[in-house]
Amino acid sequence: MNANDVYNVAKALPKEELDKLCDMLAINYQPKKAIKPKKKPLPDFTVDDGIRYLLANHFNKVKTA
C-alpha cells in the first residue's frame, strides 16, 4: 500500500471519521523542525572603523565612463 492508496481511502471517509483520522495522525506524526543555519557573529566595529571603510571603499573611487 502506498500513499496514493491511503489518500484515496481517506477521501472516501465521512467527515467525522476523517476528523478522527487527522487527530490520530497528528498524535503519531511529529514533523522535523527546520534547522536554522548558524550565523557568524559580527566583529566589534567602532564608528571610526565604519567611516574608514566607507571612505576607502565607496567615496574615493574614480568613476570611469
Protein backbone atom coordinates (compact mmCIF):
# COMPACT_ATOMS: atom_id res chain seq x y z
CA MET A 1 0.00 0.00 0.00
CA ASN A 2 1.35 3.43 -0.87
CA ALA A 3 0.39 7.00 0.00
CA ASN A 4 -1.89 7.38 -3.03
CA ASP A 5 -3.99 4.39 -1.95
CA VAL A 6 -4.30 5.74 1.59
CA TYR A 7 -5.19 9.19 0.25
CA ASN A 8 -8.00 7.78 -1.90
CA VAL A 9 -9.38 5.81 1.05
CA ALA A 10 -9.18 8.88 3.31
CA LYS A 11 -11.08 10.97 0.74
CA ALA A 12 -13.90 8.42 0.82
CA LEU A 13 -14.31 8.64 4.61
CA PRO A 14 -17.20 10.56 6.17
CA LYS A 15 -16.31 13.90 7.79
CA GLU A 16 -16.43 12.55 11.37
CA GLU A 17 -14.10 9.66 10.56
CA LEU A 18 -11.75 11.95 8.64
CA ASP A 19 -11.53 14.20 11.71
CA LYS A 20 -10.69 11.19 13.89
CA LEU A 21 -8.04 10.07 11.39
CA CYS A 22 -6.45 13.52 11.36
CA ASP A 23 -6.33 13.54 15.17
CA MET A 24 -4.68 10.11 15.23
CA LEU A 25 -2.12 11.13 12.62
CA ALA A 26 -1.32 14.34 14.48
CA ILE A 27 -0.54 12.35 17.63
CA ASN A 28 1.72 9.84 15.83
CA TYR A 29 3.44 12.13 13.35
CA GLN A 30 5.83 14.81 14.56
CA PRO A 31 7.33 16.74 11.62
CA LYS A 32 11.01 17.63 11.77
CA LYS A 33 11.73 21.21 12.65
CA ALA A 34 13.77 23.23 10.20
CA ILE A 35 17.31 23.82 11.35
CA LYS A 36 18.35 27.43 11.01
CA PRO A 37 21.87 27.99 9.75
CA LYS A 38 24.21 29.44 12.33
CA LYS A 39 25.32 32.97 11.57
CA LYS A 40 28.81 34.18 12.27
CA PRO A 41 28.82 36.92 14.88
CA LEU A 42 29.95 40.28 13.56
CA PRO A 43 33.20 41.67 14.90
CA ASP A 44 33.05 44.73 17.10
CA PHE A 45 33.30 47.71 14.77
CA THR A 46 33.67 51.23 16.01
CA VAL A 47 32.26 54.28 14.27
CA ASP A 48 35.76 55.21 13.17
CA ASP A 49 36.22 51.78 11.57
CA GLY A 50 32.98 52.24 9.66
CA ILE A 51 33.94 55.70 8.43
CA ARG A 52 37.37 54.46 7.33
CA TYR A 53 35.78 51.57 5.43
CA LEU A 54 33.28 53.81 3.66
CA LEU A 55 35.92 56.35 2.69
CA ALA A 56 38.33 53.71 1.41
CA ASN A 57 35.81 51.59 -0.49
CA HIS A 58 32.95 53.80 -1.61
CA PHE A 59 33.69 57.51 -1.66
CA ASN A 60 37.21 57.68 -3.10
CA LYS A 61 36.66 55.59 -6.22
CA VAL A 62 37.39 57.24 -9.54
CA LYS A 63 34.46 56.72 -11.87
CA THR A 64 35.26 55.86 -15.46
CA ALA A 65 32.58 56.26 -18.03
